[in-house]
C-alpha atoms as a PDB file:
ATOM      1  CA  MET A   1      63.611 132.796 102.502  1.00  0.00           C
ATOM      2  CA  GLY A   2      63.666 129.860 104.821  1.00  0.00           C
ATOM      3  CA  LYS A   3      66.559 128.644 107.202  1.00  0.00           C
ATOM      4  CA  GLY A   4      69.757 128.080 105.419  1.00  0.00           C
ATOM      5  CA  GLU A   5      68.250 129.274 101.863  1.00  0.00           C
ATOM      6  CA  ARG A   6      70.574 131.500  99.905  1.00  0.00           C
ATOM      7  CA  VAL A   7      69.436 135.198  99.801  1.00  0.00           C
ATOM      8  CA  ARG A   8      67.296 136.066  96.999  1.00  0.00           C
ATOM      9  CA  LEU A   9      66.005 139.486  95.377  1.00  0.00           C
ATOM     10  CA  GLU A  10      62.225 140.023  95.563  1.00  0.00           C
ATOM     11  CA  THR A  11      60.025 142.881  94.963  1.00  0.00           C
ATOM     12  CA  ILE A  12      58.353 144.012  98.099  1.00  0.00           C
ATOM     13  CA  SER A  13      55.613 146.399  99.173  1.00  0.00           C
ATOM     14  CA  VAL A  14      56.375 149.208 101.576  1.00  0.00           C
ATOM     15  CA  PRO A  15      53.366 150.802 103.218  1.00  0.00           C
ATOM     16  CA  ASP A  16      52.919 154.522 103.639  1.00  0.00           C
ATOM     17  CA  PRO A  17      54.460 155.705 107.034  1.00  0.00           C
ATOM     18  CA  GLY A  18      51.747 155.642 109.908  1.00  0.00           C
ATOM     19  CA  PRO A  19      52.071 157.755 113.061  1.00  0.00           C
ATOM     20  CA  GLY A  20      55.773 157.827 114.255  1.00  0.00           C
ATOM     21  CA  GLU A  21      56.955 156.118 111.118  1.00  0.00           C
ATOM     22  CA  VAL A  22      59.306 157.048 108.423  1.00  0.00           C
ATOM     23  CA  ILE A  23      60.305 155.909 104.844  1.00  0.00           C
ATOM     24  CA  VAL A  24      64.141 156.015 104.298  1.00  0.00           C
ATOM     25  CA  ASP A  25      65.669 155.969 100.755  1.00  0.00           C
ATOM     26  CA  VAL A  26      68.476 153.606 101.502  1.00  0.00           C
ATOM     27  CA  GLN A  27      71.892 154.527  99.943  1.00  0.00           C
ATOM     28  CA  ALA A  28      74.252 152.056 101.510  1.00  0.00           C
ATOM     29  CA  CYS A  29      74.010 149.046 103.879  1.00  0.00           C
ATOM     30  CA  GLY A  30      76.723 146.998 105.115  1.00  0.00           C
ATOM     31  CA  VAL A  31      76.832 143.341 105.285  1.00  0.00           C
ATOM     32  CA  CYS A  32      76.848 142.158 109.041  1.00  0.00           C
ATOM     33  CA  HIS A  33      77.520 138.831 110.414  1.00  0.00           C
ATOM     34  CA  THR A  34      74.234 139.360 112.216  1.00  0.00           C
ATOM     35  CA  ASP A  35      72.610 139.108 108.969  1.00  0.00           C
ATOM     36  CA  LEU A  36      74.062 135.856 108.408  1.00  0.00           C
ATOM     37  CA  HIS A  37      72.875 134.760 111.788  1.00  0.00           C
ATOM     38  CA  TYR A  38      69.291 135.449 110.800  1.00  0.00           C
ATOM     39  CA  ARG A  39      69.832 133.724 107.541  1.00  0.00           C
ATOM     40  CA  GLU A  40      70.850 130.628 109.247  1.00  0.00           C
ATOM     41  CA  GLY A  41      68.075 130.756 111.956  1.00  0.00           C
ATOM     42  CA  GLY A  42      70.530 131.563 114.540  1.00  0.00           C
ATOM     43  CA  ILE A  43      68.370 134.467 115.926  1.00  0.00           C
ATOM     44  CA  SER A  44      64.877 133.515 115.437  1.00  0.00           C
ATOM     45  CA  ASP A  45      62.699 131.347 113.118  1.00  0.00           C
ATOM     46  CA  ASP A  46      60.543 134.319 111.970  1.00  0.00           C
ATOM     47  CA  PHE A  47      61.134 133.763 108.388  1.00  0.00           C
ATOM     48  CA  PRO A  48      61.130 135.208 105.760  1.00  0.00           C
ATOM     49  CA  PHE A  49      63.423 137.894 106.873  1.00  0.00           C
ATOM     50  CA  LEU A  50      64.439 141.275 105.051  1.00  0.00           C
ATOM     51  CA  LEU A  51      68.023 141.369 105.789  1.00  0.00           C
ATOM     52  CA  GLY A  52      70.389 144.450 106.334  1.00  0.00           C
ATOM     53  CA  HIS A  53      70.573 147.097 109.087  1.00  0.00           C
ATOM     54  CA  GLU A  54      73.809 148.822 108.892  1.00  0.00           C
ATOM     55  CA  ALA A  55      72.600 151.503 106.824  1.00  0.00           C
ATOM     56  CA  ALA A  56      72.263 155.346 105.718  1.00  0.00           C
ATOM     57  CA  GLY A  57      70.167 157.245 103.499  1.00  0.00           C
ATOM     58  CA  LEU A  58      67.767 160.045 102.832  1.00  0.00           C
ATOM     59  CA  VAL A  59      64.374 160.406 104.488  1.00  0.00           C
ATOM     60  CA  SER A  60      61.691 160.525 101.793  1.00  0.00           C
ATOM     61  CA  VAL A  61      58.304 160.508 103.538  1.00  0.00           C
ATOM     62  CA  VAL A  62      57.315 161.064 107.299  1.00  0.00           C
ATOM     63  CA  GLY A  63      54.129 159.968 109.115  1.00  0.00           C
ATOM     64  CA  ASP A  64      51.944 161.893 111.452  1.00  0.00           C
ATOM     65  CA  GLY A  65      53.659 163.207 114.441  1.00  0.00           C
ATOM     66  CA  VAL A  66      57.164 162.848 113.357  1.00  0.00           C
ATOM     67  CA  THR A  67      59.274 165.855 114.462  1.00  0.00           C
ATOM     68  CA  SER A  68      62.895 164.685 114.580  1.00  0.00           C
ATOM     69  CA  VAL A  69      63.447 164.305 111.038  1.00  0.00           C
ATOM     70  CA  ALA A  70      61.962 165.608 107.718  1.00  0.00           C
ATOM     71  CA  PRO A  71      62.006 164.816 104.075  1.00  0.00           C
ATOM     72  CA  GLY A  72      65.683 165.258 102.734  1.00  0.00           C
ATOM     73  CA  ASP A  73      67.666 164.583 105.780  1.00  0.00           C
ATOM     74  CA  PHE A  74      70.433 162.290 105.544  1.00  0.00           C
ATOM     75  CA  VAL A  75      70.312 159.756 108.516  1.00  0.00           C
ATOM     76  CA  VAL A  76      72.212 156.858 109.753  1.00  0.00           C
ATOM     77  CA  LEU A  77      69.769 153.990 110.958  1.00  0.00           C
ATOM     78  CA  ASN A  78      69.925 152.326 114.305  1.00  0.00           C
ATOM     79  CA  TRP A  79      68.204 149.468 115.966  1.00  0.00           C
ATOM     80  CA  ARG A  80      67.846 150.697 119.399  1.00  0.00           C
ATOM     81  CA  ALA A  81      65.398 153.582 119.067  1.00  0.00           C
ATOM     82  CA  VAL A  82      64.865 154.436 122.730  1.00  0.00           C
ATOM     83  CA  CYS A  83      61.428 154.952 124.203  1.00  0.00           C
ATOM     84  CA  GLY A  84      62.156 157.614 126.625  1.00  0.00           C
ATOM     85  CA  SER A  85      59.635 156.202 129.360  1.00  0.00           C
ATOM     86  CA  CYS A  86      60.900 152.748 130.623  1.00  0.00           C
ATOM     87  CA  ARG A  87      62.585 152.114 133.636  1.00  0.00           C
ATOM     88  CA  ALA A  88      66.015 152.483 132.150  1.00  0.00           C
ATOM     89  CA  CYS A  89      65.189 155.672 130.319  1.00  0.00           C
ATOM     90  CA  ARG A  90      63.653 157.201 133.660  1.00  0.00           C
ATOM     91  CA  LYS A  91      66.927 156.574 135.266  1.00  0.00           C
ATOM     92  CA  ALA A  92      68.876 158.507 132.520  1.00  0.00           C
ATOM     93  CA  LYS A  93      70.302 155.301 131.093  1.00  0.00           C
ATOM     94  CA  PRO A  94      68.731 155.158 127.835  1.00  0.00           C
ATOM     95  CA  GLN A  95      71.608 152.917 126.322  1.00  0.00           C
ATOM     96  CA  TYR A  96      69.849 150.075 128.291  1.00  0.00           C
ATOM     97  CA  CYS A  97      66.366 150.998 127.210  1.00  0.00           C
ATOM     98  CA  PHE A  98      63.889 147.886 127.728  1.00  0.00           C
ATOM     99  CA  ALA A  99      61.247 149.177 125.248  1.00  0.00           C
ATOM    100  CA  THR A 100      63.211 150.064 122.006  1.00  0.00           C
ATOM    101  CA  ARG A 101      60.870 151.012 119.131  1.00  0.00           C
ATOM    102  CA  ASN A 102      60.278 149.689 115.694  1.00  0.00           C
ATOM    103  CA  ALA A 103      57.835 150.485 112.808  1.00  0.00           C
ATOM    104  CA  SER A 104      54.423 149.212 113.720  1.00  0.00           C
ATOM    105  CA  GLN A 105      53.461 148.180 110.065  1.00  0.00           C
ATOM    106  CA  LYS A 106      55.173 145.550 108.323  1.00  0.00           C
ATOM    107  CA  MET A 107      56.913 145.563 104.818  1.00  0.00           C
ATOM    108  CA  THR A 108      55.568 142.501 102.705  1.00  0.00           C
ATOM    109  CA  LEU A 109      56.000 140.425  99.623  1.00  0.00           C
ATOM    110  CA  THR A 110      53.809 141.256  96.626  1.00  0.00           C
ATOM    111  CA  ASP A 111      51.477 138.426  97.727  1.00  0.00           C
ATOM    112  CA  GLY A 112      51.156 140.033 101.107  1.00  0.00           C
ATOM    113  CA  THR A 113      53.502 137.780 103.112  1.00  0.00           C
ATOM    114  CA  ALA A 114      54.736 139.806 106.146  1.00  0.00           C
ATOM    115  CA  LEU A 115      58.617 140.233 106.368  1.00  0.00           C
ATOM    116  CA  SER A 116      60.540 140.221 109.496  1.00  0.00           C
ATOM    117  CA  PRO A 117      63.160 143.252 109.128  1.00  0.00           C
ATOM    118  CA  ALA A 118      66.762 142.473 110.505  1.00  0.00           C
ATOM    119  CA  LEU A 119      67.132 144.138 114.024  1.00  0.00           C
ATOM    120  CA  GLY A 120      63.804 146.073 113.245  1.00  0.00           C
ATOM    121  CA  ILE A 121      65.299 147.779 110.238  1.00  0.00           C
ATOM    122  CA  GLY A 122      65.421 145.731 106.913  1.00  0.00           C
ATOM    123  CA  ALA A 123      67.794 147.610 104.727  1.00  0.00           C
ATOM    124  CA  PHE A 124      68.897 145.534 101.851  1.00  0.00           C
ATOM    125  CA  VAL A 125      66.102 147.335  99.969  1.00  0.00           C
ATOM    126  CA  GLU A 126      65.710 150.669  98.051  1.00  0.00           C
ATOM    127  CA  LYS A 127      63.128 152.022 100.454  1.00  0.00           C
ATOM    128  CA  SER A 128      62.745 151.023 104.277  1.00  0.00           C
ATOM    129  CA  LEU A 129      60.067 151.597 106.571  1.00  0.00           C
ATOM    130  CA  VAL A 130      61.313 152.440 110.140  1.00  0.00           C
ATOM    131  CA  ALA A 131      60.333 154.262 113.342  1.00  0.00           C
ATOM    132  CA  GLU A 132      61.357 157.565 113.670  1.00  0.00           C
ATOM    133  CA  GLY A 133      63.675 157.201 116.549  1.00  0.00           C
ATOM    134  CA  GLN A 134      65.583 154.828 114.432  1.00  0.00           C
ATOM    135  CA  CYS A 135      66.627 157.737 112.156  1.00  0.00           C
ATOM    136  CA  THR A 136      69.778 159.821 113.536  1.00  0.00           C
ATOM    137  CA  PRO A 137      70.468 162.818 111.234  1.00  0.00           C
ATOM    138  CA  VAL A 138      74.191 163.487 110.647  1.00  0.00           C
ATOM    139  CA  SER A 139      76.043 165.835 108.241  1.00  0.00           C
ATOM    140  CA  ALA A 140      75.208 165.165 104.586  1.00  0.00           C
ATOM    141  CA  ALA A 141      78.822 165.487 103.736  1.00  0.00           C
ATOM    142  CA  ALA A 142      79.544 162.022 104.914  1.00  0.00           C
ATOM    143  CA  ASP A 143      79.918 159.001 102.642  1.00  0.00           C
ATOM    144  CA  PRO A 144      76.641 156.959 103.277  1.00  0.00           C
ATOM    145  CA  ALA A 145      78.761 153.678 102.863  1.00  0.00           C
ATOM    146  CA  ALA A 146      81.247 154.524 105.557  1.00  0.00           C
ATOM    147  CA  VAL A 147      79.000 156.471 108.163  1.00  0.00           C
ATOM    148  CA  GLY A 148      76.246 153.598 107.669  1.00  0.00           C
ATOM    149  CA  LEU A 149      78.552 151.311 109.445  1.00  0.00           C
ATOM    150  CA  LEU A 150      77.927 153.148 112.716  1.00  0.00           C
ATOM    151  CA  GLY A 151      74.495 151.621 112.430  1.00  0.00           C
ATOM    152  CA  CYS A 152      75.747 148.284 114.013  1.00  0.00           C
ATOM    153  CA  GLY A 153      79.334 146.689 113.955  1.00  0.00           C
ATOM    154  CA  VAL A 154      81.602 149.914 113.946  1.00  0.00           C
ATOM    155  CA  MET A 155      79.681 151.706 116.774  1.00  0.00           C
ATOM    156  CA  ALA A 156      79.627 148.460 118.525  1.00  0.00           C
ATOM    157  CA  GLY A 157      83.310 148.160 118.576  1.00  0.00           C
ATOM    158  CA  LEU A 158      83.998 152.020 119.296  1.00  0.00           C
ATOM    159  CA  GLY A 159      81.469 151.740 122.128  1.00  0.00           C
ATOM    160  CA  ALA A 160      83.008 148.667 123.820  1.00  0.00           C
ATOM    161  CA  SER A 161      86.191 150.769 124.450  1.00  0.00           C
ATOM    162  CA  MET A 162      84.966 154.290 124.753  1.00  0.00           C
ATOM    163  CA  LEU A 163      81.585 153.738 126.725  1.00  0.00           C
ATOM    164  CA  THR A 164      81.500 150.223 128.052  1.00  0.00           C
ATOM    165  CA  GLY A 165      85.227 149.829 128.958  1.00  0.00           C
ATOM    166  CA  ASN A 166      85.698 153.578 129.729  1.00  0.00           C
ATOM    167  CA  VAL A 167      89.259 153.426 128.290  1.00  0.00           C
ATOM    168  CA  SER A 168      91.123 156.191 129.510  1.00  0.00           C
ATOM    169  CA  ARG A 169      94.524 158.207 128.503  1.00  0.00           C
ATOM    170  CA  GLY A 170      97.387 155.948 129.242  1.00  0.00           C
ATOM    171  CA  ASP A 171      95.543 152.657 129.670  1.00  0.00           C
ATOM    172  CA  SER A 172      96.398 149.539 128.324  1.00  0.00           C
ATOM    173  CA  VAL A 173      93.909 147.554 126.183  1.00  0.00           C
ATOM    174  CA  ALA A 174      93.775 143.988 124.592  1.00  0.00           C
ATOM    175  CA  VAL A 175      91.348 143.182 122.025  1.00  0.00           C
ATOM    176  CA  PHE A 176      90.477 139.528 121.307  1.00  0.00           C
ATOM    177  CA  GLY A 177      89.379 138.896 117.697  1.00  0.00           C
ATOM    178  CA  CYS A 178      90.328 141.620 114.970  1.00  0.00           C
ATOM    179  CA  GLY A 179      87.475 141.765 112.584  1.00  0.00           C
ATOM    180  CA  GLY A 180      85.283 144.738 112.150  1.00  0.00           C
ATOM    181  CA  VAL A 181      84.145 145.014 115.534  1.00  0.00           C
ATOM    182  CA  GLY A 182      87.583 144.176 117.024  1.00  0.00           C
ATOM    183  CA  ASP A 183      89.265 146.650 114.928  1.00  0.00           C
ATOM    184  CA  ALA A 184      86.504 149.533 115.710  1.00  0.00           C
ATOM    185  CA  ALA A 185      87.593 148.613 119.407  1.00  0.00           C
ATOM    186  CA  ILE A 186      91.128 149.286 118.673  1.00  0.00           C
ATOM    187  CA  VAL A 187      90.229 152.712 116.913  1.00  0.00           C
ATOM    188  CA  GLY A 188      88.109 153.474 120.102  1.00  0.00           C
ATOM    189  CA  ALA A 189      90.865 152.756 122.088  1.00  0.00           C
ATOM    190  CA  LYS A 190      93.313 154.854 120.292  1.00  0.00           C
ATOM    191  CA  LEU A 191      90.813 157.881 120.225  1.00  0.00           C
ATOM    192  CA  ALA A 192      90.464 157.405 124.070  1.00  0.00           C
ATOM    193  CA  GLY A 193      94.249 157.789 124.455  1.00  0.00           C
ATOM    194  CA  ALA A 194      95.159 154.279 125.263  1.00  0.00           C
ATOM    195  CA  ALA A 195      99.167 153.964 125.429  1.00  0.00           C
ATOM    196  CA  THR A 196      99.326 150.109 124.862  1.00  0.00           C
ATOM    197  CA  ILE A 197      96.818 148.443 122.489  1.00  0.00           C
ATOM    198  CA  VAL A 198      97.331 144.672 121.978  1.00  0.00           C
ATOM    199  CA  ALA A 199      95.437 142.806 119.192  1.00  0.00           C
ATOM    200  CA  VAL A 200      94.989 139.018 119.355  1.00  0.00           C
ATOM    201  CA  ASP A 201      93.733 136.901 116.681  1.00  0.00           C
ATOM    202  CA  VAL A 202      94.644 133.644 114.796  1.00  0.00           C
ATOM    203  CA  ASP A 203      94.817 135.186 111.415  1.00  0.00           C
ATOM    204  CA  ASP A 204      98.021 137.165 110.213  1.00  0.00           C
ATOM    205  CA  ARG A 205      95.858 139.043 107.802  1.00  0.00           C
ATOM    206  CA  LYS A 206      93.616 140.374 110.605  1.00  0.00           C
ATOM    207  CA  LEU A 207      96.572 141.150 112.748  1.00  0.00           C
ATOM    208  CA  ASP A 208      97.926 143.416 109.858  1.00  0.00           C
ATOM    209  CA  TRP A 209      94.612 144.964 109.582  1.00  0.00           C
ATOM    210  CA  ALA A 210      94.704 145.724 113.458  1.00  0.00           C
ATOM    211  CA  ARG A 211      98.046 147.359 113.044  1.00  0.00           C
ATOM    212  CA  SER A 212      96.932 149.617 110.569  1.00  0.00           C
ATOM    213  CA  PHE A 213      94.143 150.791 112.915  1.00  0.00           C
ATOM    214  CA  GLY A 214      96.380 151.505 115.780  1.00  0.00           C
ATOM    215  CA  ALA A 215      97.489 148.261 117.626  1.00  0.00           C
ATOM    216  CA  THR A 216     100.887 148.702 119.006  1.00  0.00           C
ATOM    217  CA  HIS A 217     101.306 144.876 119.685  1.00  0.00           C
ATOM    218  CA  ALA A 218      99.797 141.869 117.582  1.00  0.00           C
ATOM    219  CA  VAL A 219      99.674 138.336 118.932  1.00  0.00           C
ATOM    220  CA  ASN A 220      98.760 135.370 117.064  1.00  0.00           C
ATOM    221  CA  ALA A 221      96.999 133.157 119.518  1.00  0.00           C
ATOM    222  CA  SER A 222      97.524 129.819 117.355  1.00  0.00           C
ATOM    223  CA  ARG A 223     101.314 130.295 118.141  1.00  0.00           C
ATOM    224  CA  VAL A 224     101.834 131.724 121.384  1.00  0.00           C
ATOM    225  CA  ASP A 225      99.818 131.818 124.750  1.00  0.00           C
ATOM    226  CA  PRO A 226      97.641 134.950 124.463  1.00  0.00           C
ATOM    227  CA  VAL A 227      97.607 135.446 128.103  1.00  0.00           C
ATOM    228  CA  ASP A 228     101.311 135.348 128.498  1.00  0.00           C
ATOM    229  CA  ALA A 229     101.739 137.467 125.511  1.00  0.00           C
ATOM    230  CA  VAL A 230      99.205 140.393 126.692  1.00  0.00           C
ATOM    231  CA  ARG A 231     101.083 140.275 130.187  1.00  0.00           C
ATOM    232  CA  GLN A 232     104.548 140.856 128.450  1.00  0.00           C
ATOM    233  CA  ALA A 233     103.292 143.735 126.409  1.00  0.00           C
ATOM    234  CA  THR A 234     101.980 145.412 129.665  1.00  0.00           C
ATOM    235  CA  GLY A 235     105.027 145.147 131.875  1.00  0.00           C
ATOM    236  CA  GLY A 236     103.918 141.678 133.206  1.00  0.00           C
ATOM    237  CA  PHE A 237     100.583 142.952 134.821  1.00  0.00           C
ATOM    238  CA  GLY A 238      97.897 142.396 132.210  1.00  0.00           C
ATOM    239  CA  ALA A 239      95.678 144.968 130.508  1.00  0.00           C
ATOM    240  CA  ASP A 240      93.662 147.511 132.110  1.00  0.00           C
ATOM    241  CA  VAL A 241      90.751 146.780 129.525  1.00  0.00           C
ATOM    242  CA  CYS A 242      90.430 143.399 127.794  1.00  0.00           C
ATOM    243  CA  ILE A 243      87.515 143.444 125.059  1.00  0.00           C
ATOM    244  CA  GLU A 244      86.141 139.951 123.815  1.00  0.00           C
ATOM    245  CA  ALA A 245      85.093 140.579 120.276  1.00  0.00           C
ATOM    246  CA  VAL A 246      84.555 137.032 119.071  1.00  0.00           C
ATOM    247  CA  GLY A 247      81.720 135.625 121.143  1.00  0.00           C
ATOM    248  CA  ASN A 248      83.362 132.516 122.225  1.00  0.00           C
ATOM    249  CA  PRO A 249      83.853 131.112 125.602  1.00  0.00           C
ATOM    250  CA  ALA A 250      87.507 130.289 125.273  1.00  0.00           C
ATOM    251  CA  THR A 251      88.345 133.736 124.082  1.00  0.00           C
ATOM    252  CA  LEU A 252      86.303 135.082 127.143  1.00  0.00           C
ATOM    253  CA  GLU A 253      88.455 133.088 129.564  1.00  0.00           C
ATOM    254  CA  GLN A 254      91.562 134.261 127.850  1.00  0.00           C
ATOM    255  CA  ALA A 255      90.465 137.883 128.096  1.00  0.00           C
ATOM    256  CA  PHE A 256      89.431 137.212 131.954  1.00  0.00           C
ATOM    257  CA  PHE A 257      92.940 136.083 132.751  1.00  0.00           C
ATOM    258  CA  ALA A 258      94.716 138.655 130.507  1.00  0.00           C
ATOM    259  CA  ARG A 259      93.803 141.833 132.406  1.00  0.00           C
ATOM    260  CA  ASP A 260      95.415 143.354 135.315  1.00  0.00           C
ATOM    261  CA  PHE A 261      93.966 142.972 138.910  1.00  0.00           C
ATOM    262  CA  ALA A 262      90.840 145.121 139.123  1.00  0.00           C
ATOM    263  CA  GLY A 263      90.761 145.288 135.233  1.00  0.00           C
ATOM    264  CA  THR A 264      87.788 145.299 133.091  1.00  0.00           C
ATOM    265  CA  VAL A 265      86.631 142.669 130.543  1.00  0.00           C
ATOM    266  CA  VAL A 266      84.102 143.804 128.277  1.00  0.00           C
ATOM    267  CA  GLN A 267      82.389 141.209 125.929  1.00  0.00           C
ATOM    268  CA  VAL A 268      81.009 142.709 122.846  1.00  0.00           C
ATOM    269  CA  GLY A 269      81.371 139.677 120.647  1.00  0.00           C
ATOM    270  CA  VAL A 270      78.000 137.799 120.241  1.00  0.00           C
ATOM    271  CA  PRO A 271      77.621 134.195 121.341  1.00  0.00           C
ATOM    272  CA  THR A 272      75.260 131.652 120.079  1.00  0.00           C
ATOM    273  CA  PRO A 273      72.626 130.528 122.403  1.00  0.00           C
ATOM    274  CA  ALA A 274      74.090 127.012 123.302  1.00  0.00           C
ATOM    275  CA  MET A 275      77.398 128.570 124.482  1.00  0.00           C
ATOM    276  CA  ARG A 276      78.017 128.702 128.116  1.00  0.00           C
ATOM    277  CA  MET A 277      80.319 130.862 130.360  1.00  0.00           C
ATOM    278  CA  PRO A 278      83.842 129.524 131.014  1.00  0.00           C
ATOM    279  CA  ASP A 279      84.105 126.962 134.023  1.00  0.00           C
ATOM    280  CA  LEU A 280      85.991 129.629 136.298  1.00  0.00           C
ATOM    281  CA  ALA A 281      86.919 128.827 139.703  1.00  0.00           C
ATOM    282  CA  MET A 282      84.906 131.343 142.106  1.00  0.00           C
ATOM    283  CA  ILE A 283      88.324 132.223 143.828  1.00  0.00           C
ATOM    284  CA  ASP A 284      89.729 133.391 140.434  1.00  0.00           C
ATOM    285  CA  PHE A 285      86.384 135.510 139.824  1.00  0.00           C
ATOM    286  CA  PHE A 286      86.545 136.845 143.387  1.00  0.00           C
ATOM    287  CA  GLY A 287      90.328 137.248 143.843  1.00  0.00           C
ATOM    288  CA  ARG A 288      90.836 139.282 140.501  1.00  0.00           C
ATOM    289  CA  GLY A 289      88.400 141.973 141.309  1.00  0.00           C
ATOM    290  CA  GLY A 290      87.411 144.270 138.525  1.00  0.00           C
ATOM    291  CA  ALA A 291      84.253 143.903 136.234  1.00  0.00           C
ATOM    292  CA  LEU A 292      82.929 141.829 133.631  1.00  0.00           C
ATOM    293  CA  LYS A 293      80.616 143.981 131.400  1.00  0.00           C
ATOM    294  CA  PRO A 294      78.623 142.859 128.367  1.00  0.00           C
ATOM    295  CA  SER A 295      78.354 145.759 125.714  1.00  0.00           C
ATOM    296  CA  TRP A 296      74.953 145.961 123.996  1.00  0.00           C
ATOM    297  CA  TYR A 297      75.590 148.097 120.858  1.00  0.00           C
ATOM    298  CA  GLY A 298      78.783 149.592 122.279  1.00  0.00           C
ATOM    299  CA  ASP A 299      76.266 151.149 125.103  1.00  0.00           C
ATOM    300  CA  CYS A 300      75.797 154.152 122.460  1.00  0.00           C
ATOM    301  CA  VAL A 301      72.898 156.552 122.531  1.00  0.00           C
ATOM    302  CA  PRO A 302      72.605 157.185 118.759  1.00  0.00           C
ATOM    303  CA  SER A 303      71.200 160.597 118.966  1.00  0.00           C
ATOM    304  CA  ARG A 304      74.273 161.689 121.154  1.00  0.00           C
ATOM    305  CA  ASP A 305      77.064 159.612 119.506  1.00  0.00           C
ATOM    306  CA  PHE A 306      76.321 159.388 115.751  1.00  0.00           C
ATOM    307  CA  PRO A 307      76.665 162.936 115.076  1.00  0.00           C
ATOM    308  CA  ALA A 308      79.805 163.467 117.044  1.00  0.00           C
ATOM    309  CA  LEU A 309      81.580 160.345 115.421  1.00  0.00           C
ATOM    310  CA  VAL A 310      80.492 161.608 111.956  1.00  0.00           C
ATOM    311  CA  GLU A 311      82.312 165.021 112.789  1.00  0.00           C
ATOM    312  CA  LEU A 312      85.361 163.026 113.922  1.00  0.00           C
ATOM    313  CA  TYR A 313      84.988 161.109 110.582  1.00  0.00           C
ATOM    314  CA  LEU A 314      84.742 164.345 108.482  1.00  0.00           C
ATOM    315  CA  GLN A 315      87.668 165.851 110.425  1.00  0.00           C
ATOM    316  CA  GLY A 316      89.937 162.888 109.350  1.00  0.00           C
ATOM    317  CA  ARG A 317      90.158 161.537 112.818  1.00  0.00           C
ATOM    318  CA  LEU A 318      87.888 158.538 112.495  1.00  0.00           C
ATOM    319  CA  PRO A 319      88.972 156.215 109.765  1.00  0.00           C
ATOM    320  CA  LEU A 320      85.586 154.927 108.679  1.00  0.00           C
ATOM    321  CA  ASP A 321      86.661 154.601 105.007  1.00  0.00           C
ATOM    322  CA  ASP A 322      89.100 151.877 106.059  1.00  0.00           C
ATOM    323  CA  PHE A 323      86.481 149.492 107.293  1.00  0.00           C
ATOM    324  CA  VAL A 324      84.811 149.577 103.654  1.00  0.00           C
ATOM    325  CA  SER A 325      86.462 146.611 101.971  1.00  0.00           C
ATOM    326  CA  GLU A 326      84.351 146.633  98.888  1.00  0.00           C
ATOM    327  CA  ARG A 327      81.004 148.097  97.207  1.00  0.00           C
ATOM    328  CA  ILE A 328      78.557 145.773  96.031  1.00  0.00           C
ATOM    329  CA  GLY A 329      75.180 145.527  94.488  1.00  0.00           C
ATOM    330  CA  LEU A 330      72.111 143.871  96.086  1.00  0.00           C
ATOM    331  CA  ASP A 331      72.714 140.890  93.917  1.00  0.00           C
ATOM    332  CA  GLU A 332      76.121 140.272  95.601  1.00  0.00           C
ATOM    333  CA  VAL A 333      75.150 139.686  99.212  1.00  0.00           C
ATOM    334  CA  GLU A 334      75.323 135.948  99.229  1.00  0.00           C
ATOM    335  CA  GLU A 335      78.875 136.353  97.771  1.00  0.00           C
ATOM    336  CA  ALA A 336      79.703 138.945 100.651  1.00  0.00           C
ATOM    337  CA  PHE A 337      78.505 136.396 103.270  1.00  0.00           C
ATOM    338  CA  GLU A 338      80.917 133.824 101.927  1.00  0.00           C
ATOM    339  CA  LYS A 339      83.941 136.381 101.788  1.00  0.00           C
ATOM    340  CA  MET A 340      82.868 137.493 105.387  1.00  0.00           C
ATOM    341  CA  SER A 341      83.029 133.731 106.752  1.00  0.00           C
ATOM    342  CA  ARG A 342      86.467 133.173 105.066  1.00  0.00           C
ATOM    343  CA  GLY A 343      87.849 136.385 106.655  1.00  0.00           C
ATOM    344  CA  GLU A 344      88.651 138.138 103.521  1.00  0.00           C
ATOM    345  CA  VAL A 345      86.799 141.567 104.237  1.00  0.00           C
ATOM    346  CA  LEU A 346      86.157 143.816 107.130  1.00  0.00           C
ATOM    347  CA  ARG A 347      82.808 145.121 105.370  1.00  0.00           C
ATOM    348  CA  SER A 348      81.282 144.509 101.997  1.00  0.00           C
ATOM    349  CA  VAL A 349      78.913 147.398 101.602  1.00  0.00           C
ATOM    350  CA  VAL A 350      75.630 147.193  99.358  1.00  0.00           C
ATOM    351  CA  VAL A 351      75.487 150.522  97.540  1.00  0.00           C
ATOM    352  CA  LEU A 352      72.120 151.488  95.944  1.00  0.00           C
END
């Protein structure tokens, strides 16, 4: 697959796992916007790519030295397998690990052409070779199509609220952008006990989704000033935490001014390389105080967070099923990209 080409099905070769490597029989994989960025060359030009990274499945084979998983384990895959020894890990901040691990070997086309796995995983495939640390065992009672979404977008949104934003009981939260990541941020804010949750988008359909996930207010930014609307919903003050889930400078600027004094802005939306920060007066940056915080993968630690969130899901307290808009086959990924671009789905999930 070259830049801009449509996704196509190919037979690939998966090597036997080496030391520290695992083969996972993929059961389900979400179609994430990051995969579309890869297809369009927006992340790198290391074509051809093996797309797919929001996945869950069963461990089938393990390599030498693997101790954390065994054949038969049901796992959710993650793209930040922490190393345990870099300067971030030594400071007990593994969510910032600077040396995350992937499989050493490459999956290939049958002619030997090496494939670049999306986010180090590559899960639009029946079997995927990953690093041991990219596998997090969770309860086998969970639906792979639902819990696999913790592998990227849903975890990013939940963590933006609960971990990066540190939303607390009684807080007010505004979420700018109500796709899958933004709606997960709304769910996270609700789980954390937020009293007021303002959803901001330009699409009424997405605002309806946001209400269903727990938003107390919905603002269509194409019709009203979203900064004023957030302030009106929060007693005139602005939100304690504003979460930007679009990855756009204009939206980030709205989030900056929609927060209360000393409030927090979390950016979890992924920008393109050409985008630049908003042109803010330094006195506004200084005078409003608070914090501006990018959120990498929701600042999660998969081994800590995935099992706990899956338990909440099994208890009926985390509505992961509601993020699954449709279940599709591997040959329908390109159509799923088109639906995603039109805003028709939260997540299409490939089921194998």
